[in-house]
Amino acid sequence: MPARASVSAIKDGEVTIPTDQIERDRLIFTTLLQIKAMVKNNTIALSRLEQKLKEKRSPEVNIVSIEEFGFPMESKEDVSRVEIMLKDKQKMKLLSNHLATLGGFSTKEVVDRIMSNVFKTKLACQCNWVGKGGKVALKNLAITKAMKDAGRSRATEAELDTSIRLWLKNAHDRDGGRKLRAIKKEARDRQLALAEQHNMSFDSSTSEESD
């Protein structure tokens, strides 16, 4: 009785094809089983790799959301808190990318949108560029760097510095500040006018008594 041909499907990169039909069918079936097993093993390995990548990325991606900055800031304590947060490079990048999405066509508009998003008027009135008069100095703060990084694609650093300083200078005019100052000035002028009128009447009365 003649010996049967080998039924080995794949060995050392070579395939032996038997001449017998039954053995050939068995070879095809065995080969399919081997391929199925390899696909299953590859799927398991890929799934494990994806899980490891997710575990690696998750701590970085979920470090902080923009809401955690608590903008707009309204106190000096808020400034200190955000400065501590921005020591983390990932958070610094997150903030600058967020502020860059606020847009604006001119340097003034870019700075206005960024500053209005970050500062409440009350706090802005307590800040200036170099800290003159005991105010919060913004020049060297991390928050200022983040704001300038956000606007750098639309303006030079010098232009951004100038616009930020001007925005701070005009902070008192926002939220009805200019109108309130005008009302106060009008009230002072009215009081001065009344006082002057009173003094004139008093002088006139004194003069008549002397006569």
C-alpha atoms as a PDB file:
ATOM      1  CA  MET A   1       0.000   0.000   0.000  1.00  0.00           C
ATOM      2  CA  PRO A   2       1.556   3.320  -1.040  1.00  0.00           C
ATOM      3  CA  ALA A   3       2.491   5.765   1.684  1.00  0.00           C
ATOM      4  CA  ARG A   4       0.253   8.790   2.122  1.00  0.00           C
ATOM      5  CA  ALA A   5       1.595  12.206   1.221  1.00  0.00           C
ATOM      6  CA  SER A   6       2.464  14.579   4.054  1.00  0.00           C
ATOM      7  CA  VAL A   7      -0.380  16.620   5.534  1.00  0.00           C
ATOM      8  CA  SER A   8       1.839  19.357   6.975  1.00  0.00           C
ATOM      9  CA  ALA A   9       0.308  22.668   6.017  1.00  0.00           C
ATOM     10  CA  ILE A  10       3.068  25.202   6.623  1.00  0.00           C
ATOM     11  CA  LYS A  11       6.563  24.344   7.764  1.00  0.00           C
ATOM     12  CA  ASP A  12       9.624  26.584   7.598  1.00  0.00           C
ATOM     13  CA  GLY A  13       7.869  28.832   5.118  1.00  0.00           C
ATOM     14  CA  GLU A  14       7.152  25.990   2.653  1.00  0.00           C
ATOM     15  CA  VAL A  15       3.865  24.275   1.774  1.00  0.00           C
ATOM     16  CA  THR A  16       3.725  20.615   0.792  1.00  0.00           C
ATOM     17  CA  ILE A  17       0.761  19.866  -1.479  1.00  0.00           C
ATOM     18  CA  PRO A  18      -0.355  16.221  -1.308  1.00  0.00           C
ATOM     19  CA  THR A  19      -1.506  14.499  -4.512  1.00  0.00           C
ATOM     20  CA  ASP A  20      -4.330  12.614  -2.835  1.00  0.00           C
ATOM     21  CA  GLN A  21      -7.625  14.546  -2.913  1.00  0.00           C
ATOM     22  CA  ILE A  22      -8.575  13.583   0.639  1.00  0.00           C
ATOM     23  CA  GLU A  23      -5.204  14.592   1.964  1.00  0.00           C
ATOM     24  CA  ARG A  24      -5.360  17.814  -0.045  1.00  0.00           C
ATOM     25  CA  ASP A  25      -8.733  18.676   1.505  1.00  0.00           C
ATOM     26  CA  ARG A  26      -7.360  17.831   4.925  1.00  0.00           C
ATOM     27  CA  LEU A  27      -4.398  20.118   4.261  1.00  0.00           C
ATOM     28  CA  ILE A  28      -6.683  22.989   3.263  1.00  0.00           C
ATOM     29  CA  PHE A  29      -8.809  22.464   6.380  1.00  0.00           C
ATOM     30  CA  THR A  30      -5.722  22.337   8.614  1.00  0.00           C
ATOM     31  CA  THR A  31      -4.327  25.469   6.993  1.00  0.00           C
ATOM     32  CA  LEU A  32      -7.584  27.327   7.563  1.00  0.00           C
ATOM     33  CA  LEU A  33      -7.526  26.303  11.228  1.00  0.00           C
ATOM     34  CA  GLN A  34      -3.960  27.588  11.535  1.00  0.00           C
ATOM     35  CA  ILE A  35      -4.894  30.902   9.915  1.00  0.00           C
ATOM     36  CA  LYS A  36      -7.927  31.244  12.188  1.00  0.00           C
ATOM     37  CA  ALA A  37      -5.733  30.606  15.247  1.00  0.00           C
ATOM     38  CA  MET A  38      -3.195  33.218  14.086  1.00  0.00           C
ATOM     39  CA  VAL A  39      -5.936  35.803  13.490  1.00  0.00           C
ATOM     40  CA  LYS A  40      -7.348  35.135  16.951  1.00  0.00           C
ATOM     41  CA  ASN A  41      -3.920  35.502  18.566  1.00  0.00           C
ATOM     42  CA  ASN A  42      -3.249  38.730  16.653  1.00  0.00           C
ATOM     43  CA  THR A  43      -6.643  40.129  17.683  1.00  0.00           C
ATOM     44  CA  ILE A  44      -5.931  39.380  21.340  1.00  0.00           C
ATOM     45  CA  ALA A  45      -2.453  40.941  21.104  1.00  0.00           C
ATOM     46  CA  LEU A  46      -3.850  44.050  19.379  1.00  0.00           C
ATOM     47  CA  SER A  47      -6.582  44.424  21.998  1.00  0.00           C
ATOM     48  CA  ARG A  48      -4.011  44.236  24.799  1.00  0.00           C
ATOM     49  CA  LEU A  49      -1.815  46.804  23.057  1.00  0.00           C
ATOM     50  CA  GLU A  50      -4.747  49.210  22.618  1.00  0.00           C
ATOM     51  CA  GLN A  51      -5.626  48.849  26.302  1.00  0.00           C
ATOM     52  CA  LYS A  52      -2.050  49.669  27.323  1.00  0.00           C
ATOM     53  CA  LEU A  53      -2.045  52.748  25.080  1.00  0.00           C
ATOM     54  CA  LYS A  54      -5.329  53.940  26.612  1.00  0.00           C
ATOM     55  CA  GLU A  55      -3.934  53.490  30.109  1.00  0.00           C
ATOM     56  CA  LYS A  56      -0.859  55.506  29.142  1.00  0.00           C
ATOM     57  CA  ARG A  57      -2.811  58.327  27.511  1.00  0.00           C
ATOM     58  CA  SER A  58      -5.614  58.659  30.053  1.00  0.00           C
ATOM     59  CA  PRO A  59      -3.646  60.388  32.845  1.00  0.00           C
ATOM     60  CA  GLU A  60      -2.361  63.034  30.392  1.00  0.00           C
ATOM     61  CA  VAL A  61      -5.574  63.664  28.495  1.00  0.00           C
ATOM     62  CA  ASN A  62      -7.718  63.933  31.614  1.00  0.00           C
ATOM     63  CA  ILE A  63      -5.336  66.041  33.706  1.00  0.00           C
ATOM     64  CA  VAL A  64      -7.555  69.110  33.623  1.00  0.00           C
ATOM     65  CA  SER A  65     -10.439  70.668  31.756  1.00  0.00           C
ATOM     66  CA  ILE A  66     -10.586  74.382  30.960  1.00  0.00           C
ATOM     67  CA  GLU A  67     -13.436  74.790  33.476  1.00  0.00           C
ATOM     68  CA  GLU A  68     -11.042  73.986  36.321  1.00  0.00           C
ATOM     69  CA  PHE A  69      -9.260  77.302  35.796  1.00  0.00           C
ATOM     70  CA  GLY A  70     -12.417  79.032  37.046  1.00  0.00           C
ATOM     71  CA  PHE A  71     -12.354  81.897  34.533  1.00  0.00           C
ATOM     72  CA  PRO A  72     -12.945  84.741  34.617  1.00  0.00           C
ATOM     73  CA  MET A  73     -10.758  85.325  37.687  1.00  0.00           C
ATOM     74  CA  GLU A  74     -12.104  87.818  40.203  1.00  0.00           C
ATOM     75  CA  SER A  75      -9.514  88.018  43.001  1.00  0.00           C
ATOM     76  CA  LYS A  76      -5.777  88.085  43.673  1.00  0.00           C
ATOM     77  CA  GLU A  77      -6.182  84.647  45.246  1.00  0.00           C
ATOM     78  CA  ASP A  78      -7.498  83.376  41.906  1.00  0.00           C
ATOM     79  CA  VAL A  79      -4.351  84.681  40.208  1.00  0.00           C
ATOM     80  CA  SER A  80      -2.141  82.804  42.698  1.00  0.00           C
ATOM     81  CA  ARG A  81      -4.193  79.625  42.233  1.00  0.00           C
ATOM     82  CA  VAL A  82      -3.946  79.731  38.433  1.00  0.00           C
ATOM     83  CA  GLU A  83      -0.210  80.473  38.587  1.00  0.00           C
ATOM     84  CA  ILE A  84       0.283  77.258  40.568  1.00  0.00           C
ATOM     85  CA  MET A  85      -1.792  75.309  38.023  1.00  0.00           C
ATOM     86  CA  LEU A  86       0.282  76.660  35.135  1.00  0.00           C
ATOM     87  CA  LYS A  87       3.486  75.172  36.517  1.00  0.00           C
ATOM     88  CA  ASP A  88       2.206  72.035  34.785  1.00  0.00           C
ATOM     89  CA  LYS A  89       3.249  72.224  31.108  1.00  0.00           C
ATOM     90  CA  GLN A  90       0.208  70.233  29.993  1.00  0.00           C
ATOM     91  CA  LYS A  91      -2.123  72.735  31.649  1.00  0.00           C
ATOM     92  CA  MET A  92      -0.192  75.657  30.180  1.00  0.00           C
ATOM     93  CA  LYS A  93      -0.597  74.173  26.692  1.00  0.00           C
ATOM     94  CA  LEU A  94      -4.292  73.487  27.285  1.00  0.00           C
ATOM     95  CA  LEU A  95      -4.903  77.095  28.326  1.00  0.00           C
ATOM     96  CA  SER A  96      -2.991  78.699  25.444  1.00  0.00           C
ATOM     97  CA  ASN A  97      -4.779  76.470  22.924  1.00  0.00           C
ATOM     98  CA  HIS A  98      -8.160  77.370  24.435  1.00  0.00           C
ATOM     99  CA  LEU A  99      -7.460  81.119  24.419  1.00  0.00           C
ATOM    100  CA  ALA A 100      -6.253  80.903  20.804  1.00  0.00           C
ATOM    101  CA  THR A 101      -9.727  79.698  19.780  1.00  0.00           C
ATOM    102  CA  LEU A 102     -11.319  82.970  20.959  1.00  0.00           C
ATOM    103  CA  GLY A 103     -10.221  84.615  17.702  1.00  0.00           C
ATOM    104  CA  GLY A 104     -10.201  88.261  16.721  1.00  0.00           C
ATOM    105  CA  PHE A 105      -9.014  90.123  13.624  1.00  0.00           C
ATOM    106  CA  SER A 106      -6.929  92.989  15.032  1.00  0.00           C
ATOM    107  CA  THR A 107      -4.427  92.831  17.893  1.00  0.00           C
ATOM    108  CA  LYS A 108      -6.802  94.938  19.995  1.00  0.00           C
ATOM    109  CA  GLU A 109      -9.706  92.561  19.369  1.00  0.00           C
ATOM    110  CA  VAL A 110      -7.588  89.465  20.094  1.00  0.00           C
ATOM    111  CA  VAL A 111      -6.350  90.916  23.398  1.00  0.00           C
ATOM    112  CA  ASP A 112      -9.804  92.183  24.362  1.00  0.00           C
ATOM    113  CA  ARG A 113     -11.370  88.742  23.886  1.00  0.00           C
ATOM    114  CA  ILE A 114      -8.599  86.962  25.778  1.00  0.00           C
ATOM    115  CA  MET A 115      -8.425  89.417  28.687  1.00  0.00           C
ATOM    116  CA  SER A 116     -12.215  89.605  29.044  1.00  0.00           C
ATOM    117  CA  ASN A 117     -12.328  85.811  29.169  1.00  0.00           C
ATOM    118  CA  VAL A 118      -9.627  85.603  31.855  1.00  0.00           C
ATOM    119  CA  PHE A 119     -10.269  88.676  34.065  1.00  0.00           C
ATOM    120  CA  LYS A 120     -13.346  90.169  35.666  1.00  0.00           C
ATOM    121  CA  THR A 121     -13.306  93.968  35.619  1.00  0.00           C
ATOM    122  CA  LYS A 122     -13.004  94.136  39.403  1.00  0.00           C
ATOM    123  CA  LEU A 123      -9.734  92.175  39.310  1.00  0.00           C
ATOM    124  CA  ALA A 124      -8.451  93.945  36.192  1.00  0.00           C
ATOM    125  CA  CYS A 125      -8.684  97.240  38.102  1.00  0.00           C
ATOM    126  CA  GLN A 126      -6.285  95.767  40.673  1.00  0.00           C
ATOM    127  CA  CYS A 127      -3.665  94.851  38.067  1.00  0.00           C
ATOM    128  CA  ASN A 128      -1.145  96.647  35.886  1.00  0.00           C
ATOM    129  CA  TRP A 129       1.939  95.718  33.902  1.00  0.00           C
ATOM    130  CA  VAL A 130       4.725  96.226  36.471  1.00  0.00           C
ATOM    131  CA  GLY A 131       2.850  96.269  39.799  1.00  0.00           C
ATOM    132  CA  LYS A 132       2.949 100.015  40.330  1.00  0.00           C
ATOM    133  CA  GLY A 133       0.957 101.285  43.310  1.00  0.00           C
ATOM    134  CA  GLY A 134       0.807  97.888  44.998  1.00  0.00           C
ATOM    135  CA  LYS A 135      -1.227  96.320  42.189  1.00  0.00           C
ATOM    136  CA  VAL A 136      -0.727  92.820  40.761  1.00  0.00           C
ATOM    137  CA  ALA A 137       2.110  92.870  38.200  1.00  0.00           C
ATOM    138  CA  LEU A 138       1.202  90.853  35.101  1.00  0.00           C
ATOM    139  CA  LYS A 139       4.424  91.288  33.134  1.00  0.00           C
ATOM    140  CA  ASN A 140       6.187  88.108  34.279  1.00  0.00           C
ATOM    141  CA  LEU A 141       3.243  85.884  35.203  1.00  0.00           C
ATOM    142  CA  ALA A 142       2.636  82.472  33.625  1.00  0.00           C
ATOM    143  CA  ILE A 143      -0.941  83.496  32.816  1.00  0.00           C
ATOM    144  CA  THR A 144       0.427  86.402  30.762  1.00  0.00           C
ATOM    145  CA  LYS A 145       2.742  84.045  28.872  1.00  0.00           C
ATOM    146  CA  ALA A 146      -0.211  81.765  28.105  1.00  0.00           C
ATOM    147  CA  MET A 147      -2.233  84.733  26.817  1.00  0.00           C
ATOM    148  CA  LYS A 148       0.630  85.962  24.633  1.00  0.00           C
ATOM    149  CA  ASP A 149       1.278  82.453  23.280  1.00  0.00           C
ATOM    150  CA  ALA A 150      -2.391  82.333  22.288  1.00  0.00           C
ATOM    151  CA  GLY A 151      -2.178  85.609  20.358  1.00  0.00           C
ATOM    152  CA  ARG A 152       1.308  85.205  18.904  1.00  0.00           C
ATOM    153  CA  SER A 153       0.041  83.953  15.536  1.00  0.00           C
ATOM    154  CA  ARG A 154      -1.790  87.275  15.011  1.00  0.00           C
ATOM    155  CA  ALA A 155       0.609  89.822  16.519  1.00  0.00           C
ATOM    156  CA  THR A 156       4.187  90.359  17.662  1.00  0.00           C
ATOM    157  CA  GLU A 157       5.116  90.110  21.331  1.00  0.00           C
ATOM    158  CA  ALA A 158       5.665  93.881  21.507  1.00  0.00           C
ATOM    159  CA  GLU A 159       2.202  94.535  20.040  1.00  0.00           C
ATOM    160  CA  LEU A 160       0.619  92.132  22.511  1.00  0.00           C
ATOM    161  CA  ASP A 161       2.461  93.745  25.447  1.00  0.00           C
ATOM    162  CA  THR A 162       1.243  97.196  24.413  1.00  0.00           C
ATOM    163  CA  SER A 163      -2.351  96.045  23.935  1.00  0.00           C
ATOM    164  CA  ILE A 164      -2.450  94.227  27.286  1.00  0.00           C
ATOM    165  CA  ARG A 165      -1.117  97.313  29.089  1.00  0.00           C
ATOM    166  CA  LEU A 166      -3.702  99.518  27.372  1.00  0.00           C
ATOM    167  CA  TRP A 167      -6.496  97.075  28.197  1.00  0.00           C
ATOM    168  CA  LEU A 168      -5.518  97.160  31.876  1.00  0.00           C
ATOM    169  CA  LYS A 169      -5.266 100.951  31.841  1.00  0.00           C
ATOM    170  CA  ASN A 170      -8.833 101.228  30.552  1.00  0.00           C
ATOM    171  CA  ALA A 171     -10.251  98.597  32.930  1.00  0.00           C
ATOM    172  CA  HIS A 172     -11.984 101.272  35.056  1.00  0.00           C
ATOM    173  CA  ASP A 173     -14.072 102.311  32.033  1.00  0.00           C
ATOM    174  CA  ARG A 174     -15.692  98.881  31.657  1.00  0.00           C
ATOM    175  CA  ASP A 175     -18.975  97.616  33.115  1.00  0.00           C
ATOM    176  CA  GLY A 176     -20.363 101.139  33.346  1.00  0.00           C
ATOM    177  CA  GLY A 177     -17.249 102.530  35.028  1.00  0.00           C
ATOM    178  CA  ARG A 178     -16.907 105.473  32.659  1.00  0.00           C
ATOM    179  CA  LYS A 179     -20.552 106.479  33.085  1.00  0.00           C
ATOM    180  CA  LEU A 180     -20.280 106.173  36.876  1.00  0.00           C
ATOM    181  CA  ARG A 181     -17.203 108.399  36.934  1.00  0.00           C
ATOM    182  CA  ALA A 182     -19.001 110.955  34.764  1.00  0.00           C
ATOM    183  CA  ILE A 183     -21.944 110.976  37.203  1.00  0.00           C
ATOM    184  CA  LYS A 184     -19.602 111.392  40.177  1.00  0.00           C
ATOM    185  CA  LYS A 185     -17.766 114.228  38.425  1.00  0.00           C
ATOM    186  CA  GLU A 186     -21.050 115.942  37.641  1.00  0.00           C
ATOM    187  CA  ALA A 187     -22.091 115.622  41.304  1.00  0.00           C
ATOM    188  CA  ARG A 188     -18.760 117.074  42.465  1.00  0.00           C
ATOM    189  CA  ASP A 189     -19.025 119.952  40.005  1.00  0.00           C
ATOM    190  CA  ARG A 190     -22.553 120.667  41.236  1.00  0.00           C
ATOM    191  CA  GLN A 191     -21.380 120.677  44.851  1.00  0.00           C
ATOM    192  CA  LEU A 192     -18.504 123.013  44.001  1.00  0.00           C
ATOM    193  CA  ALA A 193     -20.888 125.340  42.160  1.00  0.00           C
ATOM    194  CA  LEU A 194     -23.275 125.386  45.131  1.00  0.00           C
ATOM    195  CA  ALA A 195     -20.396 126.000  47.540  1.00  0.00           C
ATOM    196  CA  GLU A 196     -19.093 128.818  45.368  1.00  0.00           C
ATOM    197  CA  GLN A 197     -22.580 130.327  45.146  1.00  0.00           C
ATOM    198  CA  HIS A 198     -22.944 130.064  48.920  1.00  0.00           C
ATOM    199  CA  ASN A 199     -19.577 131.752  49.448  1.00  0.00           C
ATOM    200  CA  MET A 200     -20.543 134.546  47.071  1.00  0.00           C
ATOM    201  CA  SER A 201     -23.826 135.079  48.946  1.00  0.00           C
ATOM    202  CA  PHE A 202     -21.979 135.063  52.261  1.00  0.00           C
ATOM    203  CA  ASP A 203     -19.420 137.601  51.022  1.00  0.00           C
ATOM    204  CA  SER A 204     -22.212 139.835  49.698  1.00  0.00           C
ATOM    205  CA  SER A 205     -24.087 139.649  52.997  1.00  0.00           C
ATOM    206  CA  THR A 206     -20.940 140.452  54.969  1.00  0.00           C
ATOM    207  CA  SER A 207     -20.227 143.422  52.720  1.00  0.00           C
ATOM    208  CA  GLU A 208     -23.744 144.825  53.224  1.00  0.00           C
ATOM    209  CA  GLU A 209     -23.447 144.504  57.001  1.00  0.00           C
ATOM    210  CA  SER A 210     -20.146 146.375  56.933  1.00  0.00           C
ATOM    211  CA  ASP A 211     -21.756 149.231  55.035  1.00  0.00           C
END
